[in-house]
Amino acid sequence: MTMYTEQLKGKLLGSTLPIFAADYTAEHPPPLIPGLKLPIPIFFTDVKIRQAGQFGGTLTIPNMRVYVTDGVYP
């Protein structure tokens, strides 16, 4: 499955420390570490995603709440 996200916000690795707060967009992507092989398994908590599209499969996330809003996002 491929998910195209415009924005991903959350707590990296479930941490409550401000240094692990994540807010990634196309303009501010996650840092890439030279030599690191992708993909790597990581997890987020308290996640908010602005999703542009999903293709090629079924996404299943237990206890997921989905909100759909009309209009253009800032």
Protein backbone atom coordinates (compact mmCIF):
# COMPACT_ATOMS: atom_id res chain seq x y z
CA MET A 1 0.00 0.00 0.00
CA THR A 2 1.13 3.54 -0.68
CA MET A 3 -0.14 6.46 1.39
CA TYR A 4 0.41 10.00 0.20
CA THR A 5 0.35 12.34 3.18
CA GLU A 6 0.52 16.10 3.14
CA GLN A 7 1.27 16.34 6.86
CA LEU A 8 2.07 13.95 9.72
CA LYS A 9 2.05 15.22 13.30
CA GLY A 10 2.55 13.17 16.43
CA LYS A 11 4.87 11.99 19.17
CA LEU A 12 7.80 10.01 17.79
CA LEU A 13 8.34 6.71 19.63
CA GLY A 14 5.52 7.64 22.02
CA SER A 15 7.72 10.10 23.89
CA THR A 16 6.26 13.05 25.79
CA LEU A 17 9.53 14.99 25.51
CA PRO A 18 9.23 18.05 23.23
CA ILE A 19 12.35 17.01 21.32
CA PHE A 20 10.41 14.00 19.97
CA ALA A 21 7.41 16.02 18.75
CA ALA A 22 7.10 15.43 15.01
CA ASP A 23 5.48 17.68 12.43
CA TYR A 24 6.50 16.61 8.93
CA THR A 25 5.35 18.11 5.62
CA ALA A 26 6.74 18.24 2.08
CA GLU A 27 8.37 21.54 3.01
CA HIS A 28 9.75 20.12 6.30
CA PRO A 29 10.42 16.37 5.78
CA PRO A 30 11.93 14.09 8.42
CA PRO A 31 15.72 14.19 8.59
CA LEU A 32 17.57 11.62 6.52
CA ILE A 33 20.60 10.01 8.12
CA PRO A 34 23.34 9.18 5.59
CA GLY A 35 23.79 5.43 5.18
CA LEU A 36 20.54 4.54 6.93
CA LYS A 37 18.62 1.87 5.00
CA LEU A 38 14.93 2.66 4.54
CA PRO A 39 12.28 1.74 5.47
CA ILE A 40 12.87 1.51 9.21
CA PRO A 41 10.21 0.50 11.73
CA ILE A 42 9.19 3.40 13.97
CA PHE A 43 5.97 4.33 15.71
CA PHE A 44 4.09 7.48 16.60
CA THR A 45 1.39 8.18 19.19
CA ASP A 46 -1.25 10.94 19.18
CA VAL A 47 -1.00 11.03 15.39
CA LYS A 48 -2.79 13.46 13.09
CA ILE A 49 -2.40 12.95 9.35
CA ARG A 50 -3.57 15.05 6.46
CA GLN A 51 -3.86 12.37 3.79
CA ALA A 52 -3.88 13.19 0.09
CA GLY A 53 -4.47 9.65 -1.19
CA GLN A 54 -4.15 5.93 -0.61
CA PHE A 55 -3.55 3.35 -3.31
CA GLY A 56 -3.01 -0.37 -3.70
CA GLY A 57 -4.47 -1.93 -0.58
CA THR A 58 -6.54 -1.76 2.54
CA LEU A 59 -5.43 0.21 5.58
CA THR A 60 -6.50 -1.20 8.94
CA ILE A 61 -5.75 0.70 12.13
CA PRO A 62 -7.45 -0.43 15.35
CA ASN A 63 -9.41 2.32 17.14
CA MET A 64 -8.76 4.81 14.33
CA ARG A 65 -11.04 7.87 14.15
CA VAL A 66 -11.44 9.46 10.74
CA TYR A 67 -12.50 13.06 10.16
CA VAL A 68 -13.35 14.46 6.75
CA THR A 69 -13.59 18.19 6.21
CA ASP A 70 -14.58 20.15 3.14
CA GLY A 71 -12.53 22.91 1.65
CA VAL A 72 -8.88 23.70 1.09
CA TYR A 73 -6.31 23.15 3.80
CA PRO A 74 -3.92 25.95 4.68
